[in-house]
Protein backbone atom coordinates (compact mmCIF):
# COMPACT_ATOMS: atom_id res chain seq x y z
CA MET A 1 0.22 -43.19 9.05
CA SER A 2 -0.39 -39.79 7.50
CA THR A 3 1.22 -36.95 9.39
CA THR A 4 -1.09 -34.50 7.66
CA ALA A 5 -4.16 -36.26 8.99
CA ASN A 6 -2.83 -36.04 12.53
CA ALA A 7 -1.62 -32.46 12.25
CA PRO A 8 -2.93 -30.23 15.08
CA LYS A 9 -5.87 -28.01 14.24
CA HIS A 10 -4.99 -24.39 14.85
CA PRO A 11 -7.77 -22.41 16.52
CA PRO A 12 -8.43 -18.84 15.40
CA PRO A 13 -5.90 -16.42 16.93
CA LYS A 14 -6.94 -14.75 20.13
CA HIS A 15 -5.82 -11.36 18.91
CA ALA A 16 -6.84 -9.15 16.00
CA THR A 17 -6.41 -10.88 12.67
CA ILE A 18 -7.49 -10.88 9.05
CA ASP A 19 -10.87 -12.54 8.54
CA GLU A 20 -10.88 -13.88 4.99
CA SER A 21 -14.66 -14.02 4.99
CA VAL A 22 -14.83 -10.24 5.25
CA THR A 23 -14.44 -8.61 1.86
CA VAL A 24 -15.10 -4.96 2.73
CA PRO A 25 -14.61 -4.57 6.49
CA TYR A 26 -15.76 -0.98 6.89
CA PRO A 27 -18.76 -1.28 9.21
CA GLY A 28 -20.47 1.86 10.35
CA ASP A 29 -18.27 4.34 8.50
CA LYS A 30 -19.97 7.19 6.65
CA LEU A 31 -17.39 7.98 4.01
CA ASP A 32 -17.73 10.81 1.54
CA ILE A 33 -15.70 8.79 -0.93
CA PRO A 34 -15.39 4.99 -0.87
CA GLY A 35 -11.79 4.06 -0.21
CA HIS A 36 -11.02 7.14 1.83
CA GLU A 37 -10.92 6.55 5.54
CA THR A 38 -11.41 10.17 6.53
CA ARG A 39 -12.38 13.50 5.03
CA HIS A 40 -11.72 14.14 1.35
CA ASP A 41 -9.65 17.30 1.16
CA GLN A 42 -8.73 17.81 -2.48
CA GLY A 43 -6.33 20.65 -3.22
CA SER A 44 -6.74 22.79 -6.30
CA ARG A 45 -3.94 22.65 -8.82
CA THR A 46 -4.64 26.29 -9.73
CA HIS A 47 -2.71 27.46 -6.67
CA ARG A 48 1.04 27.98 -6.79
CA THR A 49 2.93 24.88 -5.69
CA LEU A 50 6.28 23.22 -6.28
CA LYS A 51 6.17 21.85 -9.82
CA SER A 52 8.24 18.77 -9.04
CA PHE A 53 5.47 17.44 -6.77
CA SER A 54 3.06 17.23 -9.69
CA MET A 55 2.10 13.78 -10.97
CA GLU A 56 0.84 15.15 -14.29
CA GLY A 57 1.84 13.06 -17.28
CA LYS A 58 2.75 10.05 -15.15
CA VAL A 59 1.22 6.58 -15.22
CA CYS A 60 0.74 5.43 -11.63
CA VAL A 61 0.17 1.88 -10.40
CA VAL A 62 -0.93 0.94 -6.89
CA THR A 63 -1.36 -2.61 -5.62
CA GLY A 64 -3.87 -3.52 -2.94
CA ALA A 65 -5.78 -0.42 -4.02
CA ALA A 66 -9.41 -1.52 -4.05
CA ARG A 67 -9.79 -0.05 -0.59
CA GLY A 68 -7.90 1.31 2.40
CA LEU A 69 -4.53 3.02 2.18
CA GLY A 70 -3.88 1.72 -1.33
CA ASN A 71 -7.07 3.32 -2.59
CA MET A 72 -6.14 6.56 -0.89
CA PHE A 73 -2.70 6.49 -2.53
CA ALA A 74 -4.30 6.10 -5.97
CA ARG A 75 -6.68 8.98 -5.29
CA THR A 76 -3.86 11.12 -3.96
CA PHE A 77 -1.99 10.74 -7.24
CA VAL A 78 -5.10 11.94 -9.09
CA GLU A 79 -5.36 14.90 -6.72
CA SER A 80 -1.73 15.66 -7.61
CA GLY A 81 -2.41 15.69 -11.35
CA CYS A 82 -2.16 12.07 -12.48
CA SER A 83 -4.63 11.15 -15.22
CA LYS A 84 -3.68 7.51 -15.86
CA VAL A 85 -4.00 5.11 -12.94
CA ALA A 86 -3.99 1.34 -12.56
CA ILE A 87 -5.59 -0.21 -9.48
CA ILE A 88 -4.42 -3.75 -8.76
CA ASP A 89 -6.22 -5.94 -6.25
CA LEU A 90 -6.77 -9.64 -5.66
CA ARG A 91 -10.29 -9.83 -7.09
CA GLN A 92 -11.10 -8.42 -10.51
CA GLU A 93 -14.56 -7.27 -9.44
CA ASP A 94 -13.13 -5.30 -6.52
CA ALA A 95 -10.50 -3.66 -8.73
CA ASP A 96 -13.07 -2.79 -11.40
CA LYS A 97 -15.45 -1.29 -8.87
CA ALA A 98 -12.72 0.79 -7.22
CA ALA A 99 -11.48 2.08 -10.59
CA ALA A 100 -14.96 3.06 -11.74
CA GLN A 101 -15.73 4.70 -8.40
CA LEU A 102 -12.53 6.73 -8.46
CA VAL A 103 -13.34 8.19 -11.88
CA SER A 104 -16.97 8.80 -10.96
CA ASP A 105 -16.11 10.60 -7.74
CA PHE A 106 -13.60 12.99 -9.28
CA GLU A 107 -15.90 13.77 -12.22
CA SER A 108 -19.04 14.23 -10.11
CA GLN A 109 -17.27 16.63 -7.77
CA GLY A 110 -16.11 18.75 -10.67
CA GLN A 111 -12.43 18.24 -9.97
CA VAL A 112 -11.78 16.89 -13.48
CA GLU A 113 -13.48 17.02 -16.86
CA LYS A 114 -15.42 13.96 -17.95
CA GLY A 115 -13.03 11.55 -19.66
CA GLU A 116 -9.94 13.29 -18.27
CA ILE A 117 -9.10 10.43 -15.90
CA GLU A 118 -8.38 6.91 -17.15
CA CYS A 119 -8.35 4.34 -14.37
CA ILE A 120 -8.25 0.60 -14.96
CA GLY A 121 -8.75 -2.21 -12.47
CA LEU A 122 -6.75 -5.41 -12.65
CA GLY A 123 -7.36 -8.56 -10.66
CA CYS A 124 -4.00 -10.01 -9.68
CA ASP A 125 -2.59 -12.21 -6.95
CA VAL A 126 0.72 -10.45 -6.35
CA ALA A 127 2.16 -13.67 -4.93
CA ASN A 128 1.80 -15.20 -8.40
CA GLU A 129 4.79 -14.17 -10.50
CA ALA A 130 3.11 -14.89 -13.84
CA ALA A 131 0.00 -12.93 -12.82
CA VAL A 132 2.12 -9.91 -11.91
CA GLN A 133 3.94 -10.07 -15.23
CA ALA A 134 0.63 -10.22 -17.08
CA ALA A 135 -0.79 -7.29 -15.12
CA PHE A 136 2.15 -5.01 -15.88
CA ASN A 137 2.13 -6.02 -19.53
CA THR A 138 -1.53 -5.03 -19.67
CA ILE A 139 -0.82 -1.66 -18.06
CA VAL A 140 2.00 -0.88 -20.49
CA GLN A 141 -0.13 -1.95 -23.45
CA LYS A 142 -2.94 0.32 -22.23
CA PHE A 143 -0.97 3.39 -21.16
CA GLY A 144 2.38 2.95 -22.93
CA ALA A 145 4.53 3.28 -19.83
CA VAL A 146 4.82 3.01 -16.05
CA HIS A 147 6.31 5.92 -14.11
CA ALA A 148 5.37 5.39 -10.46
CA VAL A 149 4.50 2.17 -8.66
CA VAL A 150 3.38 1.68 -5.07
CA ALA A 151 3.70 -1.92 -3.87
CA ASN A 152 1.12 -1.70 -1.12
CA ALA A 153 -0.62 -5.10 -1.08
CA GLY A 154 -0.04 -6.97 2.15
CA ILE A 155 -1.70 -8.82 5.02
CA VAL A 156 -1.24 -9.02 8.77
CA GLU A 157 -2.21 -11.74 11.23
CA ASN A 158 -1.60 -12.12 14.92
CA TYR A 159 -0.73 -15.53 16.34
CA PRO A 160 1.75 -16.24 19.14
CA ALA A 161 4.96 -17.46 17.53
CA LEU A 162 4.72 -20.88 19.17
CA GLU A 163 1.30 -21.40 17.59
CA TYR A 164 1.73 -19.72 14.21
CA PRO A 165 0.53 -22.12 11.47
CA ALA A 166 3.37 -22.70 9.01
CA GLU A 167 1.09 -22.53 5.97
CA ARG A 168 -0.19 -19.12 7.02
CA MET A 169 3.33 -17.84 7.58
CA ARG A 170 4.26 -18.94 4.06
CA LYS A 171 1.20 -17.19 2.67
CA LEU A 172 2.08 -13.97 4.49
CA PHE A 173 5.63 -13.98 3.15
CA ASP A 174 4.42 -14.85 -0.34
CA ILE A 175 2.24 -11.73 -0.36
CA ASN A 176 4.22 -9.29 1.79
CA VAL A 177 7.71 -10.10 0.53
CA HIS A 178 7.68 -12.12 -2.69
CA GLY A 179 4.68 -10.21 -4.04
CA VAL A 180 6.34 -6.88 -3.37
CA PHE A 181 9.47 -8.04 -5.17
CA PHE A 182 7.57 -9.35 -8.19
CA CYS A 183 5.82 -5.99 -8.58
CA ALA A 184 9.00 -3.98 -8.12
CA ARG A 185 10.91 -6.14 -10.58
CA GLU A 186 8.25 -6.00 -13.31
CA ALA A 187 7.93 -2.25 -12.90
CA ALA A 188 11.69 -1.81 -13.14
CA LYS A 189 11.90 -3.97 -16.27
CA HIS A 190 9.46 -1.72 -18.11
CA MET A 191 11.04 1.48 -16.79
CA ILE A 192 14.54 0.42 -17.83
CA GLU A 193 13.39 -0.84 -21.21
CA LYS A 194 11.75 2.50 -21.99
CA ASN A 195 14.49 4.60 -20.34
CA ILE A 196 12.01 6.05 -17.83
CA GLN A 197 13.27 7.80 -14.73
CA GLY A 198 10.82 5.91 -12.55
CA SER A 199 9.96 5.70 -8.87
CA ILE A 200 9.01 2.55 -6.98
CA VAL A 201 7.70 2.85 -3.43
CA LEU A 202 7.52 -0.25 -1.26
CA ILE A 203 5.10 0.03 1.64
CA ALA A 204 6.89 -1.25 4.71
CA SER A 205 5.87 -0.30 8.26
CA MET A 206 7.31 1.06 11.45
CA SER A 207 7.13 -2.65 12.35
CA ALA A 208 10.27 -3.02 10.24
CA ASN A 209 12.09 -1.22 13.06
CA ILE A 210 10.19 -2.01 16.26
CA VAL A 211 8.31 -4.92 17.77
CA ASN A 212 4.60 -4.23 18.04
CA TYR A 213 3.04 -4.86 21.43
CA PRO A 214 0.85 -6.43 22.72
CA GLN A 215 -0.23 -8.01 19.40
CA PRO A 216 1.98 -11.02 18.52
CA GLN A 217 2.93 -10.64 14.86
CA MET A 218 6.46 -11.91 14.38
CA PRO A 219 6.07 -12.89 10.69
CA TYR A 220 4.49 -9.56 9.80
CA ASN A 221 7.23 -7.58 11.54
CA SER A 222 9.86 -9.74 9.86
CA SER A 223 8.24 -9.33 6.44
CA LYS A 224 8.26 -5.56 6.74
CA ALA A 225 11.90 -5.56 7.79
CA ALA A 226 12.56 -7.56 4.63
CA VAL A 227 10.64 -5.03 2.53
CA LYS A 228 12.61 -2.14 4.00
CA HIS A 229 15.95 -3.77 3.20
CA MET A 230 14.66 -4.94 -0.17
CA ALA A 231 14.04 -1.32 -1.12
CA ALA A 232 17.57 -0.36 -0.14
CA SER A 233 19.08 -3.30 -2.01
CA LEU A 234 17.09 -2.69 -5.19
CA ALA A 235 17.89 1.01 -5.00
CA VAL A 236 21.60 0.26 -5.20
CA GLU A 237 21.17 -2.20 -8.09
CA TRP A 238 18.99 0.12 -10.17
CA ALA A 239 20.35 3.55 -9.24
CA GLN A 240 22.37 3.99 -12.44
CA LYS A 241 19.51 2.63 -14.52
CA GLY A 242 17.31 5.58 -13.60
CA VAL A 243 14.97 3.69 -11.27
CA ARG A 244 14.60 4.91 -7.70
CA VAL A 245 13.32 2.61 -4.94
CA ASN A 246 12.29 3.80 -1.49
CA SER A 247 10.16 2.51 1.35
CA LEU A 248 7.33 4.23 3.21
CA SER A 249 6.78 3.05 6.76
CA PRO A 250 3.48 4.12 8.33
CA GLY A 251 2.81 3.87 12.02
CA TYR A 252 -0.59 3.08 13.48
CA MET A 253 -3.16 4.53 11.09
CA LEU A 254 -6.82 4.92 12.01
CA THR A 255 -8.28 3.34 8.91
CA ALA A 256 -11.74 1.82 8.86
CA LEU A 257 -10.08 -1.60 8.78
CA THR A 258 -8.08 -0.75 11.89
CA LYS A 259 -11.27 0.33 13.64
CA ALA A 260 -12.97 -2.96 12.77
CA VAL A 261 -9.99 -5.09 13.80
CA VAL A 262 -9.35 -3.46 17.19
CA ALA A 263 -13.01 -2.86 18.10
CA PRO A 264 -13.18 -5.97 20.35
CA HIS A 265 -10.00 -4.96 22.19
CA VAL A 266 -10.88 -2.26 24.69
CA GLY A 267 -8.16 0.33 25.21
CA MET A 268 -5.89 -0.75 22.36
CA LEU A 269 -6.28 2.44 20.31
CA GLU A 270 -5.85 4.54 23.44
CA SER A 271 -2.70 2.60 24.29
CA TRP A 272 -1.26 3.23 20.82
CA ALA A 273 -2.00 6.94 21.12
CA GLU A 274 -0.42 7.17 24.57
CA LYS A 275 2.78 5.58 23.27
CA THR A 276 2.99 7.98 20.33
CA PRO A 277 4.91 11.19 21.14
CA MET A 278 2.43 13.26 19.12
CA GLY A 279 -0.34 11.87 21.30
CA ARG A 280 -2.59 10.40 18.64
CA VAL A 281 -2.95 7.59 16.15
CA GLY A 282 -2.21 8.58 12.55
CA ASP A 283 -4.83 9.82 10.12
CA PRO A 284 -4.47 8.09 6.72
CA GLU A 285 -4.25 11.53 5.12
CA ASP A 286 -1.02 12.05 7.05
CA LEU A 287 0.56 9.80 4.41
CA LYS A 288 -0.49 11.86 1.39
CA GLY A 289 2.49 14.20 1.29
CA ALA A 290 4.90 11.35 1.91
CA ILE A 291 3.62 9.19 -0.94
CA VAL A 292 3.61 12.05 -3.42
CA TYR A 293 7.11 13.09 -2.39
CA LEU A 294 8.52 9.60 -2.91
CA ALA A 295 6.65 8.95 -6.17
CA SER A 296 7.22 12.34 -7.78
CA ASP A 297 10.24 14.17 -9.15
CA ALA A 298 10.45 16.06 -5.86
CA SER A 299 12.52 13.12 -4.58
CA LYS A 300 14.64 12.65 -7.70
CA PHE A 301 17.87 12.41 -5.64
CA THR A 302 16.30 10.18 -2.99
CA THR A 303 16.73 6.43 -3.32
CA GLY A 304 17.23 3.60 -0.85
CA SER A 305 15.61 5.66 1.88
CA GLU A 306 12.93 4.78 4.40
CA LEU A 307 10.41 7.51 5.18
CA VAL A 308 8.79 6.78 8.55
CA VAL A 309 5.45 8.46 9.24
CA ASP A 310 4.47 7.33 12.74
CA GLY A 311 4.15 10.41 14.94
CA GLY A 312 7.46 9.53 16.59
CA TYR A 313 6.29 6.12 17.87
CA SER A 314 9.38 4.18 16.81
CA ILE A 315 12.00 6.60 18.14
CA ILE A 316 11.25 6.12 21.83
């Protein structure tokens, strides 16, 4: 008798989860710029600022960047002077659209000259080692180098641990852990080969340090703990090769996706805010300074560190 045929059918989780049928879950948001969750506050590079924070002359790569925080990270690098950007996302059409929109937005707002920004979109399943290798080879062929990489692609689902489908747990770890490693490793290979003093930022979460409540998300929390320690481990291995690796751990961020996911759960956002010492949920733009610091030369003596941006949530 086939055990597969008699395997229990897992109902949809009762808590907030990823709905794979939703491709762009930003209902009702009036965004000035697609991909940004909030206002678009570009700073002018004509003002005096610390030179080491500039991303000018660097090739930046962000995974999971067709929308959400990843898209904001890519745009933040452009705001900080980057002119060569690669957006990696699961579907080629989403990556292409995000890349074209990024260029169009900066040019139409007069922040850059036409043709000044080169942004390419690459469809890539980060859980597929060969696909990641191909994507980074394409980037290096196009731009000649890779200087800063943000491994941002990841998923979250909420099932009670006793009911968590094994196949979905494997998928989560394939993306959140193995995918992050594949991207970090390919980036490091190219950096070391070309003797580039590069920066790799792994997006972890405050969930690497605390247990989220009330949402049951054991595999997600565990995956982010793995990412945090992965960054520290890789930092030690690659420190004398000129490649820095750090992790950025956001707290609860009020992205459009977050709004859509928690909308059915009355009081959840208010509960998060009440438990945050600063008294509010994070604005995605609260991460801008952190990502530029870790990716730029401003952090050239920082490696193996975790930068937590959570309004103090995880310290109480």
